[in-house]
């Protein structure tokens, strides 16, 4: 399989990313299916917990592109989930 034939993705040397990604995808789906900001907030809180696992990775290597991508995506997801929670509190 050539480089172009391989699917894009984050290659995690510890295997942590794919394990967490499955849970993050599930929680994101729950958020997307919830109808109101108040209903989305608990799922967003769980999403933050799942993302924090990636952000706390002890094997993080600044020199590794995949580690940096994982960290950047995780930070973006955490910020987005925090906004969802804030919206949930505002709509009460």
PDB file of N, CA and C in Angstrom:
ATOM      1  N   UNK A   1       0.852  -1.170   0.000  1.00  0.00           N
ATOM      2  CA  UNK A   1       0.000   0.000   0.000  1.00  0.00           C
ATOM      3  C   UNK A   1       0.900   1.236   0.000  1.00  0.00           C
ATOM      4  N   UNK A   2       0.694   2.091  -0.935  1.00  0.00           N
ATOM      5  CA  UNK A   2       1.516   3.296  -1.026  1.00  0.00           C
ATOM      6  C   UNK A   2       1.018   4.345  -0.031  1.00  0.00           C
ATOM      7  N   UNK A   3       1.811   5.356   0.164  1.00  0.00           N
ATOM      8  CA  UNK A   3       1.478   6.431   1.086  1.00  0.00           C
ATOM      9  C   UNK A   3       0.164   7.105   0.701  1.00  0.00           C
ATOM     10  N   UNK A   4      -0.065   7.270  -0.579  1.00  0.00           N
ATOM     11  CA  UNK A   4      -1.293   7.908  -1.042  1.00  0.00           C
ATOM     12  C   UNK A   4      -2.523   7.026  -0.834  1.00  0.00           C
ATOM     13  N   UNK A   5      -2.336   5.726  -0.785  1.00  0.00           N
ATOM     14  CA  UNK A   5      -3.462   4.806  -0.634  1.00  0.00           C
ATOM     15  C   UNK A   5      -3.903   4.649   0.818  1.00  0.00           C
ATOM     16  N   UNK A   6      -3.052   5.029   1.743  1.00  0.00           N
ATOM     17  CA  UNK A   6      -3.390   4.886   3.156  1.00  0.00           C
ATOM     18  C   UNK A   6      -4.359   5.980   3.592  1.00  0.00           C
ATOM     19  N   UNK A   7      -5.315   5.626   4.444  1.00  0.00           N
ATOM     20  CA  UNK A   7      -6.221   6.659   4.936  1.00  0.00           C
ATOM     21  C   UNK A   7      -5.468   7.628   5.853  1.00  0.00           C
ATOM     22  N   UNK A   8      -5.895   8.886   5.817  1.00  0.00           N
ATOM     23  CA  UNK A   8      -5.285   9.876   6.697  1.00  0.00           C
ATOM     24  C   UNK A   8      -5.693   9.578   8.131  1.00  0.00           C
ATOM     25  N   UNK A   9      -4.831   9.889   9.029  1.00  0.00           N
ATOM     26  CA  UNK A   9      -5.152   9.672  10.432  1.00  0.00           C
ATOM     27  C   UNK A   9      -3.958   9.961  11.303  1.00  0.00           C
ATOM     28  N   UNK A  10      -4.219   9.992  12.588  1.00  0.00           N
ATOM     29  CA  UNK A  10      -3.156  10.216  13.568  1.00  0.00           C
ATOM     30  C   UNK A  10      -2.610   8.857  13.970  1.00  0.00           C
ATOM     31  N   UNK A  11      -1.320   8.708  13.777  1.00  0.00           N
ATOM     32  CA  UNK A  11      -0.652   7.470  14.196  1.00  0.00           C
ATOM     33  C   UNK A  11      -0.074   7.710  15.588  1.00  0.00           C
ATOM     34  N   UNK A  12      -0.667   7.073  16.539  1.00  0.00           N
ATOM     35  CA  UNK A  12      -0.298   7.246  17.945  1.00  0.00           C
ATOM     36  C   UNK A  12       0.638   6.126  18.370  1.00  0.00           C
ATOM     37  N   UNK A  13       1.833   6.462  18.840  1.00  0.00           N
ATOM     38  CA  UNK A  13       2.783   5.417  19.229  1.00  0.00           C
ATOM     39  C   UNK A  13       2.331   4.608  20.444  1.00  0.00           C
ATOM     40  N   UNK A  14       1.450   5.168  21.271  1.00  0.00           N
ATOM     41  CA  UNK A  14       0.996   4.456  22.468  1.00  0.00           C
ATOM     42  C   UNK A  14      -0.339   3.756  22.269  1.00  0.00           C
ATOM     43  N   UNK A  15      -1.048   4.100  21.187  1.00  0.00           N
ATOM     44  CA  UNK A  15      -2.377   3.533  20.956  1.00  0.00           C
ATOM     45  C   UNK A  15      -3.472   4.241  21.742  1.00  0.00           C
ATOM     46  N   UNK A  16      -3.125   5.282  22.449  1.00  0.00           N
ATOM     47  CA  UNK A  16      -4.106   6.009  23.253  1.00  0.00           C
ATOM     48  C   UNK A  16      -5.116   6.746  22.384  1.00  0.00           C
ATOM     49  N   UNK A  17      -4.644   7.384  21.324  1.00  0.00           N
ATOM     50  CA  UNK A  17      -5.546   8.164  20.480  1.00  0.00           C
ATOM     51  C   UNK A  17      -6.693   7.326  19.912  1.00  0.00           C
ATOM     52  N   UNK A  18      -6.440   6.187  19.288  1.00  0.00           N
ATOM     53  CA  UNK A  18      -7.582   5.440  18.722  1.00  0.00           C
ATOM     54  C   UNK A  18      -8.560   4.958  19.792  1.00  0.00           C
ATOM     55  N   UNK A  19      -8.056   4.627  20.968  1.00  0.00           N
ATOM     56  CA  UNK A  19      -8.966   4.191  22.043  1.00  0.00           C
ATOM     57  C   UNK A  19      -9.858   5.346  22.486  1.00  0.00           C
ATOM     58  N   UNK A  20      -9.282   6.507  22.675  1.00  0.00           N
ATOM     59  CA  UNK A  20     -10.063   7.661  23.102  1.00  0.00           C
ATOM     60  C   UNK A  20     -10.934   8.197  21.977  1.00  0.00           C
ATOM     61  N   UNK A  21     -10.448   8.110  20.761  1.00  0.00           N
ATOM     62  CA  UNK A  21     -11.187   8.647  19.615  1.00  0.00           C
ATOM     63  C   UNK A  21     -12.548   7.976  19.474  1.00  0.00           C
ATOM     64  N   UNK A  22     -12.615   6.694  19.749  1.00  0.00           N
ATOM     65  CA  UNK A  22     -13.900   5.988  19.660  1.00  0.00           C
ATOM     66  C   UNK A  22     -14.895   6.575  20.668  1.00  0.00           C
ATOM     67  N   UNK A  23     -14.451   6.822  21.878  1.00  0.00           N
ATOM     68  CA  UNK A  23     -15.320   7.400  22.905  1.00  0.00           C
ATOM     69  C   UNK A  23     -15.664   8.856  22.559  1.00  0.00           C
ATOM     70  N   UNK A  24     -14.702   9.601  22.065  1.00  0.00           N
ATOM     71  CA  UNK A  24     -14.932  10.991  21.674  1.00  0.00           C
ATOM     72  C   UNK A  24     -15.960  11.059  20.548  1.00  0.00           C
ATOM     73  N   UNK A  25     -15.865  10.172  19.585  1.00  0.00           N
ATOM     74  CA  UNK A  25     -16.838  10.138  18.479  1.00  0.00           C
ATOM     75  C   UNK A  25     -18.229   9.821  18.999  1.00  0.00           C
ATOM     76  N   UNK A  26     -18.325   8.897  19.944  1.00  0.00           N
ATOM     77  CA  UNK A  26     -19.626   8.540  20.527  1.00  0.00           C
ATOM     78  C   UNK A  26     -20.234   9.735  21.254  1.00  0.00           C
ATOM     79  N   UNK A  27     -19.421  10.408  22.063  1.00  0.00           N
ATOM     80  CA  UNK A  27     -19.912  11.562  22.815  1.00  0.00           C
ATOM     81  C   UNK A  27     -20.292  12.711  21.887  1.00  0.00           C
ATOM     82  N   UNK A  28     -19.524  12.908  20.846  1.00  0.00           N
ATOM     83  CA  UNK A  28     -19.845  13.949  19.860  1.00  0.00           C
ATOM     84  C   UNK A  28     -21.182  13.652  19.200  1.00  0.00           C
ATOM     85  N   UNK A  29     -21.431  12.396  18.904  1.00  0.00           N
ATOM     86  CA  UNK A  29     -22.717  12.019  18.309  1.00  0.00           C
ATOM     87  C   UNK A  29     -23.857  12.305  19.287  1.00  0.00           C
ATOM     88  N   UNK A  30     -23.647  12.019  20.563  1.00  0.00           N
ATOM     89  CA  UNK A  30     -24.674  12.301  21.572  1.00  0.00           C
ATOM     90  C   UNK A  30     -24.956  13.806  21.637  1.00  0.00           C
ATOM     91  N   UNK A  31     -23.902  14.608  21.609  1.00  0.00           N
ATOM     92  CA  UNK A  31     -24.070  16.064  21.619  1.00  0.00           C
ATOM     93  C   UNK A  31     -24.868  16.500  20.397  1.00  0.00           C
ATOM     94  N   UNK A  32     -24.510  15.998  19.253  1.00  0.00           N
ATOM     95  CA  UNK A  32     -25.180  16.388  18.009  1.00  0.00           C
ATOM     96  C   UNK A  32     -26.645  15.963  17.977  1.00  0.00           C
ATOM     97  N   UNK A  33     -26.971  14.877  18.646  1.00  0.00           N
ATOM     98  CA  UNK A  33     -28.345  14.391  18.649  1.00  0.00           C
ATOM     99  C   UNK A  33     -29.219  15.080  19.694  1.00  0.00           C
ATOM    100  N   UNK A  34     -28.586  15.651  20.715  1.00  0.00           N
ATOM    101  CA  UNK A  34     -29.361  16.356  21.739  1.00  0.00           C
ATOM    102  C   UNK A  34     -29.986  17.600  21.107  1.00  0.00           C
ATOM    103  N   UNK A  35     -31.203  17.904  21.528  1.00  0.00           N
ATOM    104  CA  UNK A  35     -31.944  18.984  20.882  1.00  0.00           C
ATOM    105  C   UNK A  35     -31.625  20.357  21.441  1.00  0.00           C
ATOM    106  N   UNK A  36     -31.386  20.463  22.723  1.00  0.00           N
ATOM    107  CA  UNK A  36     -31.179  21.782  23.325  1.00  0.00           C
ATOM    108  C   UNK A  36     -29.780  21.865  23.928  1.00  0.00           C
ATOM    109  N   UNK A  37     -29.357  23.098  24.157  1.00  0.00           N
ATOM    110  CA  UNK A  37     -28.046  23.312  24.783  1.00  0.00           C
ATOM    111  C   UNK A  37     -27.995  22.681  26.168  1.00  0.00           C
ATOM    112  N   UNK A  38     -29.096  22.738  26.886  1.00  0.00           N
ATOM    113  CA  UNK A  38     -29.155  22.131  28.217  1.00  0.00           C
ATOM    114  C   UNK A  38     -28.979  20.620  28.139  1.00  0.00           C
ATOM    115  N   UNK A  39     -29.556  19.991  27.129  1.00  0.00           N
ATOM    116  CA  UNK A  39     -29.403  18.544  26.942  1.00  0.00           C
ATOM    117  C   UNK A  39     -27.998  18.186  26.468  1.00  0.00           C
ATOM    118  N   UNK A  40     -27.358  19.083  25.756  1.00  0.00           N
ATOM    119  CA  UNK A  40     -26.012  18.834  25.231  1.00  0.00           C
ATOM    120  C   UNK A  40     -24.935  18.944  26.320  1.00  0.00           C
ATOM    121  N   UNK A  41     -25.166  19.797  27.314  1.00  0.00           N
ATOM    122  CA  UNK A  41     -24.142  20.113  28.312  1.00  0.00           C
ATOM    123  C   UNK A  41     -23.559  18.896  29.039  1.00  0.00           C
ATOM    124  N   UNK A  42     -24.364  17.952  29.527  1.00  0.00           N
ATOM    125  CA  UNK A  42     -23.763  16.794  30.219  1.00  0.00           C
ATOM    126  C   UNK A  42     -22.863  15.956  29.303  1.00  0.00           C
ATOM    127  N   UNK A  43     -23.257  15.838  28.043  1.00  0.00           N
ATOM    128  CA  UNK A  43     -22.435  15.096  27.083  1.00  0.00           C
ATOM    129  C   UNK A  43     -21.126  15.840  26.830  1.00  0.00           C
ATOM    130  N   UNK A  44     -21.222  17.160  26.762  1.00  0.00           N
ATOM    131  CA  UNK A  44     -20.021  17.970  26.558  1.00  0.00           C
ATOM    132  C   UNK A  44     -19.070  17.836  27.741  1.00  0.00           C
ATOM    133  N   UNK A  45     -19.622  17.744  28.946  1.00  0.00           N
ATOM    134  CA  UNK A  45     -18.777  17.559  30.132  1.00  0.00           C
ATOM    135  C   UNK A  45     -18.044  16.217  30.059  1.00  0.00           C
ATOM    136  N   UNK A  46     -18.738  15.192  29.634  1.00  0.00           N
ATOM    137  CA  UNK A  46     -18.088  13.887  29.459  1.00  0.00           C
ATOM    138  C   UNK A  46     -17.027  13.947  28.366  1.00  0.00           C
ATOM    139  N   UNK A  47     -17.314  14.698  27.306  1.00  0.00           N
ATOM    140  CA  UNK A  47     -16.347  14.851  26.225  1.00  0.00           C
ATOM    141  C   UNK A  47     -15.065  15.505  26.735  1.00  0.00           C
ATOM    142  N   UNK A  48     -15.201  16.494  27.575  1.00  0.00           N
ATOM    143  CA  UNK A  48     -14.012  17.126  28.151  1.00  0.00           C
ATOM    144  C   UNK A  48     -13.180  16.098  28.912  1.00  0.00           C
ATOM    145  N   UNK A  49     -13.831  15.237  29.671  1.00  0.00           N
ATOM    146  CA  UNK A  49     -13.106  14.193  30.397  1.00  0.00           C
ATOM    147  C   UNK A  49     -12.351  13.259  29.466  1.00  0.00           C
ATOM    148  N   UNK A  50     -12.975  12.888  28.359  1.00  0.00           N
ATOM    149  CA  UNK A  50     -12.326  11.995  27.399  1.00  0.00           C
ATOM    150  C   UNK A  50     -11.145  12.679  26.715  1.00  0.00           C
ATOM    151  N   UNK A  51     -11.293  13.955  26.435  1.00  0.00           N
ATOM    152  CA  UNK A  51     -10.231  14.714  25.781  1.00  0.00           C
ATOM    153  C   UNK A  51      -9.061  14.965  26.741  1.00  0.00           C
ATOM    154  N   UNK A  52      -9.380  15.163  28.011  1.00  0.00           N
ATOM    155  CA  UNK A  52      -8.328  15.404  29.005  1.00  0.00           C
ATOM    156  C   UNK A  52      -7.362  14.220  29.093  1.00  0.00           C
ATOM    157  N   UNK A  53      -7.860  13.033  28.840  1.00  0.00           N
ATOM    158  CA  UNK A  53      -6.981  11.847  28.834  1.00  0.00           C
ATOM    159  C   UNK A  53      -5.891  12.018  27.778  1.00  0.00           C
ATOM    160  N   UNK A  54      -6.276  12.498  26.610  1.00  0.00           N
ATOM    161  CA  UNK A  54      -5.289  12.718  25.545  1.00  0.00           C
ATOM    162  C   UNK A  54      -4.345  13.866  25.891  1.00  0.00           C
ATOM    163  N   UNK A  55      -4.878  14.912  26.466  1.00  0.00           N
ATOM    164  CA  UNK A  55      -4.047  16.067  26.812  1.00  0.00           C
ATOM    165  C   UNK A  55      -3.050  15.747  27.927  1.00  0.00           C
ATOM    166  N   UNK A  56      -3.356  14.732  28.718  1.00  0.00           N
ATOM    167  CA  UNK A  56      -2.475  14.343  29.813  1.00  0.00           C
ATOM    168  C   UNK A  56      -1.471  13.257  29.414  1.00  0.00           C
ATOM    169  N   UNK A  57      -1.418  12.921  28.140  1.00  0.00           N
ATOM    170  CA  UNK A  57      -0.537  11.852  27.678  1.00  0.00           C
ATOM    171  C   UNK A  57       0.911  12.110  28.098  1.00  0.00           C
ATOM    172  N   UNK A  58       1.480  11.166  28.796  1.00  0.00           N
ATOM    173  CA  UNK A  58       2.858  11.294  29.277  1.00  0.00           C
ATOM    174  C   UNK A  58       3.885  11.033  28.189  1.00  0.00           C
ATOM    175  N   UNK A  59       3.446  10.500  27.062  1.00  0.00           N
ATOM    176  CA  UNK A  59       4.350  10.200  25.951  1.00  0.00           C
ATOM    177  C   UNK A  59       4.357  11.302  24.890  1.00  0.00           C
ATOM    178  N   UNK A  60       3.725  12.435  25.196  1.00  0.00           N
ATOM    179  CA  UNK A  60       3.638  13.525  24.224  1.00  0.00           C
ATOM    180  C   UNK A  60       5.039  13.942  23.775  1.00  0.00           C
ATOM    181  N   UNK A  61       5.202  14.057  22.458  1.00  0.00           N
ATOM    182  CA  UNK A  61       6.487  14.434  21.872  1.00  0.00           C
ATOM    183  C   UNK A  61       6.260  15.612  20.942  1.00  0.00           C
ATOM    184  N   UNK A  62       6.712  16.778  21.348  1.00  0.00           N
ATOM    185  CA  UNK A  62       6.542  18.012  20.572  1.00  0.00           C
ATOM    186  C   UNK A  62       7.107  17.872  19.161  1.00  0.00           C
ATOM    187  N   UNK A  63       8.116  17.052  18.987  1.00  0.00           N
ATOM    188  CA  UNK A  63       8.748  16.887  17.677  1.00  0.00           C
ATOM    189  C   UNK A  63       7.938  15.996  16.734  1.00  0.00           C
ATOM    190  N   UNK A  64       6.972  15.270  17.252  1.00  0.00           N
ATOM    191  CA  UNK A  64       6.178  14.338  16.454  1.00  0.00           C
ATOM    192  C   UNK A  64       4.923  15.028  15.936  1.00  0.00           C
ATOM    193  N   UNK A  65       4.769  15.078  14.617  1.00  0.00           N
ATOM    194  CA  UNK A  65       3.613  15.720  13.999  1.00  0.00           C
ATOM    195  C   UNK A  65       2.304  15.130  14.508  1.00  0.00           C
ATOM    196  N   UNK A  66       2.243  13.824  14.645  1.00  0.00           N
ATOM    197  CA  UNK A  66       1.010  13.170  15.079  1.00  0.00           C
ATOM    198  C   UNK A  66       0.657  13.555  16.508  1.00  0.00           C
ATOM    199  N   UNK A  67       1.649  13.669  17.368  1.00  0.00           N
ATOM    200  CA  UNK A  67       1.407  14.117  18.745  1.00  0.00           C
ATOM    201  C   UNK A  67       0.868  15.546  18.753  1.00  0.00           C
ATOM    202  N   UNK A  68       1.466  16.391  17.926  1.00  0.00           N
ATOM    203  CA  UNK A  68       1.008  17.781  17.872  1.00  0.00           C
ATOM    204  C   UNK A  68      -0.421  17.865  17.335  1.00  0.00           C
ATOM    205  N   UNK A  69      -0.737  17.075  16.314  1.00  0.00           N
ATOM    206  CA  UNK A  69      -2.101  17.057  15.780  1.00  0.00           C
ATOM    207  C   UNK A  69      -3.093  16.585  16.843  1.00  0.00           C
ATOM    208  N   UNK A  70      -2.741  15.535  17.532  1.00  0.00           N
ATOM    209  CA  UNK A  70      -3.594  15.010  18.600  1.00  0.00           C
ATOM    210  C   UNK A  70      -3.838  16.093  19.648  1.00  0.00           C
ATOM    211  N   UNK A  71      -2.774  16.749  20.063  1.00  0.00           N
ATOM    212  CA  UNK A  71      -2.887  17.795  21.085  1.00  0.00           C
ATOM    213  C   UNK A  71      -3.748  18.955  20.578  1.00  0.00           C
ATOM    214  N   UNK A  72      -3.510  19.390  19.345  1.00  0.00           N
ATOM    215  CA  UNK A  72      -4.282  20.511  18.804  1.00  0.00           C
ATOM    216  C   UNK A  72      -5.763  20.165  18.653  1.00  0.00           C
ATOM    217  N   UNK A  73      -6.067  18.984  18.136  1.00  0.00           N
ATOM    218  CA  UNK A  73      -7.465  18.569  18.014  1.00  0.00           C
ATOM    219  C   UNK A  73      -8.115  18.469  19.390  1.00  0.00           C
ATOM    220  N   UNK A  74      -7.372  17.932  20.334  1.00  0.00           N
ATOM    221  CA  UNK A  74      -7.909  17.767  21.685  1.00  0.00           C
ATOM    222  C   UNK A  74      -8.195  19.114  22.336  1.00  0.00           C
ATOM    223  N   UNK A  75      -7.295  20.058  22.170  1.00  0.00           N
ATOM    224  CA  UNK A  75      -7.531  21.390  22.725  1.00  0.00           C
ATOM    225  C   UNK A  75      -8.735  22.052  22.077  1.00  0.00           C
ATOM    226  N   UNK A  76      -8.870  21.896  20.763  1.00  0.00           N
ATOM    227  CA  UNK A  76     -10.022  22.456  20.065  1.00  0.00           C
ATOM    228  C   UNK A  76     -11.315  21.811  20.549  1.00  0.00           C
ATOM    229  N   UNK A  77     -11.307  20.522  20.715  1.00  0.00           N
ATOM    230  CA  UNK A  77     -12.498  19.820  21.206  1.00  0.00           C
ATOM    231  C   UNK A  77     -12.849  20.262  22.619  1.00  0.00           C
ATOM    232  N   UNK A  78     -11.843  20.438  23.466  1.00  0.00           N
ATOM    233  CA  UNK A  78     -12.091  20.878  24.839  1.00  0.00           C
ATOM    234  C   UNK A  78     -12.724  22.275  24.833  1.00  0.00           C
ATOM    235  N   UNK A  79     -12.201  23.175  24.017  1.00  0.00           N
ATOM    236  CA  UNK A  79     -12.749  24.535  23.945  1.00  0.00           C
ATOM    237  C   UNK A  79     -14.181  24.521  23.418  1.00  0.00           C
ATOM    238  N   UNK A  80     -14.427  23.706  22.411  1.00  0.00           N
ATOM    239  CA  UNK A  80     -15.770  23.614  21.844  1.00  0.00           C
ATOM    240  C   UNK A  80     -16.754  23.065  22.877  1.00  0.00           C
ATOM    241  N   UNK A  81     -16.352  22.020  23.579  1.00  0.00           N
ATOM    242  CA  UNK A  81     -17.219  21.438  24.606  1.00  0.00           C
ATOM    243  C   UNK A  81     -17.484  22.446  25.724  1.00  0.00           C
ATOM    244  N   UNK A  82     -16.479  23.234  26.088  1.00  0.00           N
ATOM    245  CA  UNK A  82     -16.666  24.257  27.119  1.00  0.00           C
ATOM    246  C   UNK A  82     -17.698  25.294  26.673  1.00  0.00           C
ATOM    247  N   UNK A  83     -17.686  25.645  25.395  1.00  0.00           N
ATOM    248  CA  UNK A  83     -18.690  26.583  24.874  1.00  0.00           C
ATOM    249  C   UNK A  83     -20.089  25.976  24.914  1.00  0.00           C
ATOM    250  N   UNK A  84     -20.189  24.691  24.621  1.00  0.00           N
ATOM    251  CA  UNK A  84     -21.489  24.010  24.682  1.00  0.00           C
ATOM    252  C   UNK A  84     -22.012  24.038  26.118  1.00  0.00           C
ATOM    253  N   UNK A  85     -21.138  23.783  27.067  1.00  0.00           N
ATOM    254  CA  UNK A  85     -21.539  23.810  28.481  1.00  0.00           C
ATOM    255  C   UNK A  85     -21.981  25.209  28.875  1.00  0.00           C
ATOM    256  N   UNK A  86     -21.223  26.207  28.453  1.00  0.00           N
ATOM    257  CA  UNK A  86     -21.583  27.590  28.754  1.00  0.00           C
ATOM    258  C   UNK A  86     -22.949  27.938  28.169  1.00  0.00           C
ATOM    259  N   UNK A  87     -23.210  27.509  26.946  1.00  0.00           N
ATOM    260  CA  UNK A  87     -24.508  27.744  26.318  1.00  0.00           C
ATOM    261  C   UNK A  87     -25.620  27.038  27.108  1.00  0.00           C
ATOM    262  N   UNK A  88     -25.314  25.857  27.604  1.00  0.00           N
ATOM    263  CA  UNK A  88     -26.298  25.121  28.408  1.00  0.00           C
ATOM    264  C   UNK A  88     -26.661  25.867  29.682  1.00  0.00           C
ATOM    265  N   UNK A  89     -25.672  26.493  30.304  1.00  0.00           N
ATOM    266  CA  UNK A  89     -25.939  27.270  31.522  1.00  0.00           C
ATOM    267  C   UNK A  89     -26.715  28.555  31.199  1.00  0.00           C
ATOM    268  N   UNK A  90     -26.450  29.143  30.067  1.00  0.00           N
ATOM    269  CA  UNK A  90     -27.135  30.380  29.687  1.00  0.00           C
ATOM    270  C   UNK A  90     -28.600  30.156  29.347  1.00  0.00           C
ATOM    271  N   UNK A  91     -28.921  28.973  28.870  1.00  0.00           N
ATOM    272  CA  UNK A  91     -30.296  28.705  28.427  1.00  0.00           C
ATOM    273  C   UNK A  91     -31.186  28.203  29.561  1.00  0.00           C
ATOM    274  N   UNK A  92     -30.670  28.108  30.739  1.00  0.00           N
ATOM    275  CA  UNK A  92     -31.496  27.637  31.877  1.00  0.00           C
ATOM    276  C   UNK A  92     -32.367  28.728  32.408  1.00  0.00           C
TER     277      UNK A  92
END
